[in-house]
Amino acid sequence: MTTQESSLHPHRLPPTRARHRRHTAPLGPLPVHETTTRTPPTELRSVSRTPMPAGVRGAVVTSVAAVPGGTLKTVWVPATQERLPAGRIVLSWEPAGEGLTTVTAHLRLARGEVLLATWPLLTGEWSDTVRPTLAEVTELHAALRLAANILEETAGRE
């Protein structure tokens, strides 16, 4: 496997390099003006079994671990807040029957918000079900943002 192939497939890295790979994709704090709550991020599994509070449109993902059972932290997003920074994922959920929940994820891009995924009829604590998608999208968005920045810098030098 070439070095380029290794960089495209981090799970195929040699064991010495794989151990140093970060397992959590931190997204950085939301600026204070972007949330009306000043509460620290909450582990999603601690609130996923209950309905979302009144007055919120969802929970924005602040960090997600790529490993099963790892952390998935969120902060409530007020219903009045219209825009989030690009790359943010907002989760919302609603009851879908006795013991069932439908979860929806939206991804904020530079030009708008798009539906990322819907997980219908989940049972119990569902954060481990949505975690792989959230981790992959978070890492993919970070890689694309890095590539875009490098291209912009390269274009500026020519």
Protein backbone atom coordinates (compact mmCIF):
# COMPACT_ATOMS: atom_id res chain seq x y z
CA MET A 1 0.00 0.00 0.00
CA THR A 2 1.37 3.40 -0.90
CA THR A 3 1.56 6.37 1.47
CA GLN A 4 -1.20 8.06 -0.51
CA GLU A 5 -3.48 5.02 -0.12
CA SER A 6 -2.77 4.95 3.62
CA SER A 7 -3.83 8.56 3.97
CA LEU A 8 -7.10 7.76 2.21
CA HIS A 9 -7.76 4.76 4.44
CA PRO A 10 -6.79 5.65 8.03
CA HIS A 11 -8.09 2.32 9.33
CA ARG A 12 -5.34 0.66 7.24
CA LEU A 13 -2.49 2.61 8.77
CA PRO A 14 0.42 0.68 10.23
CA PRO A 15 -0.23 -0.06 13.93
CA THR A 16 2.34 2.48 15.18
CA ARG A 17 0.64 5.35 13.32
CA ALA A 18 -2.90 4.13 13.99
CA ARG A 19 -2.37 4.34 17.76
CA HIS A 20 -1.70 8.06 17.50
CA ARG A 21 -4.81 8.82 15.45
CA ARG A 22 -7.35 10.98 17.23
CA HIS A 23 -10.52 9.08 18.00
CA THR A 24 -12.66 12.11 18.66
CA ALA A 25 -13.52 14.72 16.08
CA PRO A 26 -13.79 17.93 18.13
CA LEU A 27 -15.69 20.67 16.40
CA GLY A 28 -14.67 23.46 18.72
CA PRO A 29 -17.01 25.47 20.88
CA LEU A 30 -19.94 27.30 19.43
CA PRO A 31 -19.48 31.04 19.75
CA VAL A 32 -21.50 32.40 22.67
CA HIS A 33 -23.67 34.54 20.39
CA GLU A 34 -24.77 31.40 18.55
CA THR A 35 -26.50 29.78 21.48
CA THR A 36 -28.68 31.29 24.10
CA THR A 37 -27.82 28.52 26.53
CA ARG A 38 -24.50 28.72 28.29
CA THR A 39 -24.54 25.10 29.36
CA PRO A 40 -21.56 22.86 28.65
CA PRO A 41 -21.93 20.06 26.08
CA THR A 42 -23.95 17.08 27.29
CA GLU A 43 -23.41 13.43 26.48
CA LEU A 44 -26.22 12.58 24.01
CA ARG A 45 -26.99 9.24 25.64
CA SER A 46 -28.08 11.12 28.78
CA VAL A 47 -30.93 12.89 26.92
CA SER A 48 -31.73 10.60 23.95
CA ARG A 49 -34.48 8.66 25.73
CA THR A 50 -36.47 11.79 26.55
CA PRO A 51 -38.34 14.21 24.28
CA MET A 52 -36.50 17.33 23.21
CA PRO A 53 -37.21 20.32 25.46
CA ALA A 54 -39.69 22.95 24.34
CA GLY A 55 -38.12 25.90 22.55
CA VAL A 56 -35.25 24.01 20.90
CA ARG A 57 -34.89 22.90 17.30
CA GLY A 58 -32.41 20.15 18.15
CA ALA A 59 -29.02 19.34 19.55
CA VAL A 60 -25.87 20.42 17.69
CA VAL A 61 -23.04 17.88 17.77
CA THR A 62 -19.95 19.37 19.43
CA SER A 63 -17.75 16.26 19.39
CA VAL A 64 -18.11 12.67 18.29
CA ALA A 65 -15.85 9.70 18.91
CA ALA A 66 -15.34 7.33 16.01
CA VAL A 67 -15.16 4.32 18.33
CA PRO A 68 -18.28 2.39 19.40
CA GLY A 69 -19.47 3.47 22.83
CA GLY A 70 -17.35 6.63 22.69
CA THR A 71 -18.50 10.12 23.50
CA LEU A 72 -21.06 12.01 21.47
CA LYS A 73 -21.55 15.45 22.96
CA THR A 74 -24.21 17.96 22.03
CA VAL A 75 -25.57 21.38 22.96
CA TRP A 76 -29.22 22.38 22.61
CA VAL A 77 -29.93 24.79 19.75
CA PRO A 78 -32.73 27.28 20.41
CA ALA A 79 -35.61 27.30 17.92
CA THR A 80 -34.93 31.00 17.33
CA GLN A 81 -31.37 30.43 16.12
CA GLU A 82 -31.38 30.37 12.35
CA ARG A 83 -27.75 29.83 11.29
CA LEU A 84 -24.96 27.63 12.51
CA PRO A 85 -21.36 27.48 11.27
CA ALA A 86 -20.70 25.26 8.25
CA GLY A 87 -19.94 21.68 9.20
CA ARG A 88 -22.28 21.55 12.18
CA ILE A 89 -24.72 18.67 12.48
CA VAL A 90 -28.06 19.22 14.23
CA LEU A 91 -29.94 16.21 15.56
CA SER A 92 -33.65 16.29 16.26
CA TRP A 93 -35.93 13.51 17.40
CA GLU A 94 -39.58 12.86 18.04
CA PRO A 95 -41.68 10.00 19.38
CA ALA A 96 -42.84 7.57 16.69
CA GLY A 97 -44.99 5.24 18.73
CA GLU A 98 -44.71 3.31 21.97
CA GLY A 99 -40.99 3.19 22.82
CA LEU A 100 -39.99 4.29 19.30
CA THR A 101 -38.13 7.43 18.18
CA THR A 102 -37.44 8.89 14.75
CA VAL A 103 -34.13 10.77 14.60
CA THR A 104 -33.17 13.28 11.90
CA ALA A 105 -29.76 14.85 11.23
CA HIS A 106 -29.20 18.04 9.22
CA LEU A 107 -25.77 19.21 8.08
CA ARG A 108 -25.02 22.92 7.82
CA LEU A 109 -23.05 23.79 4.68
CA ALA A 110 -21.76 27.18 3.57
CA ARG A 111 -24.83 27.81 1.43
CA GLY A 112 -27.54 26.21 3.52
CA GLU A 113 -28.68 23.23 5.50
CA VAL A 114 -29.24 19.78 4.01
CA LEU A 115 -30.88 16.62 5.28
CA LEU A 116 -28.06 14.28 6.21
CA ALA A 117 -29.94 11.22 7.46
CA THR A 118 -33.12 9.94 9.02
CA TRP A 119 -33.25 6.95 11.33
CA PRO A 120 -36.90 5.89 11.69
CA LEU A 121 -38.38 3.83 14.51
CA LEU A 122 -35.33 3.50 16.76
CA THR A 123 -35.79 1.86 20.13
CA GLY A 124 -34.18 2.66 23.46
CA GLU A 125 -30.95 4.62 23.68
CA TRP A 126 -30.02 5.32 20.05
CA SER A 127 -26.80 7.38 20.17
CA ASP A 128 -24.63 4.40 19.16
CA THR A 129 -26.85 3.88 16.10
CA VAL A 130 -26.28 7.39 14.74
CA ARG A 131 -22.64 7.75 15.89
CA PRO A 132 -20.91 6.12 12.86
CA THR A 133 -22.65 8.41 10.36
CA LEU A 134 -21.97 11.51 12.45
CA ALA A 135 -18.29 10.63 12.89
CA GLU A 136 -17.78 9.91 9.18
CA VAL A 137 -19.52 13.10 8.04
CA THR A 138 -17.66 15.23 10.60
CA GLU A 139 -14.29 13.87 9.49
CA LEU A 140 -15.20 14.12 5.79
CA HIS A 141 -16.30 17.75 6.17
CA ALA A 142 -13.05 18.60 8.00
CA ALA A 143 -10.99 16.96 5.24
CA LEU A 144 -12.89 18.79 2.51
CA ARG A 145 -12.53 22.11 4.34
CA LEU A 146 -8.76 21.50 4.65
CA ALA A 147 -8.49 20.62 0.95
CA ALA A 148 -10.44 23.76 -0.02
CA ASN A 149 -8.17 25.94 2.14
CA ILE A 150 -5.05 24.41 0.58
CA LEU A 151 -6.44 24.96 -2.92
CA GLU A 152 -7.23 28.58 -2.10
CA GLU A 153 -3.72 29.15 -0.76
CA THR A 154 -2.16 27.44 -3.76
CA ALA A 155 -4.27 29.48 -6.19
CA GLY A 156 -3.25 32.68 -4.38
CA ARG A 157 0.45 31.97 -4.94
CA GLU A 158 0.16 31.58 -8.70
